[in-house]
Amino acid sequence: MTRIAFLKSHRTWEDYLGIFLGILIVMTPFFIAGATRGHVWHNSFLEFIIGRPINHALMLNALVVGLVVFIFATFELTHRNRWEEVGQVLAGIWLMASPFVLSYAATGQLRWWHFFLGALVALLGFYEFWQDWRLSDEELARYER
């Protein structure tokens, strides 16, 4: 019975995991080789720094989704609302679909990283939403720090 109660209460490690996943999503195009193929623009300062041409749509997607996940997880540390979990779920689903929508599904490892990280973000959002589902707004407000 104690285990079930532990699973049903919201923990801060979940929020820190969301923050870490957001940072990791932003960093993936810099370290995964698939970010260098596709429609690229040349001669930018960022290309000079990492030493290879970049797919800017892919980079912008990773930056925006990573920041959204990071911001929602940070809000979750201070304010308990259900919309943050819904936002995380939607961001995770978008990250899973983005290799196919933005046409970088054939570029190698990056599609798998984004699919896997998107699935983790979506599952984390579903899990946090499930934990908060039966709580009233007053009970959610009690958890604010």
Foldseek 3Di string as FASTA:
>chain_A
DVVVVVLLADDLVLLVVLLVLLVCLLCVLLPDQLQQDDDWDDDDPVCVVSVGTGDVVSNVLSNVLSVLSNVLSVVVQAAQDLVSLVSQLVSLVCLLCVCVVVVSVVRPDSNVVSNVSSVVSNVSSVSSNSSCVPPDNVRRRVNGD
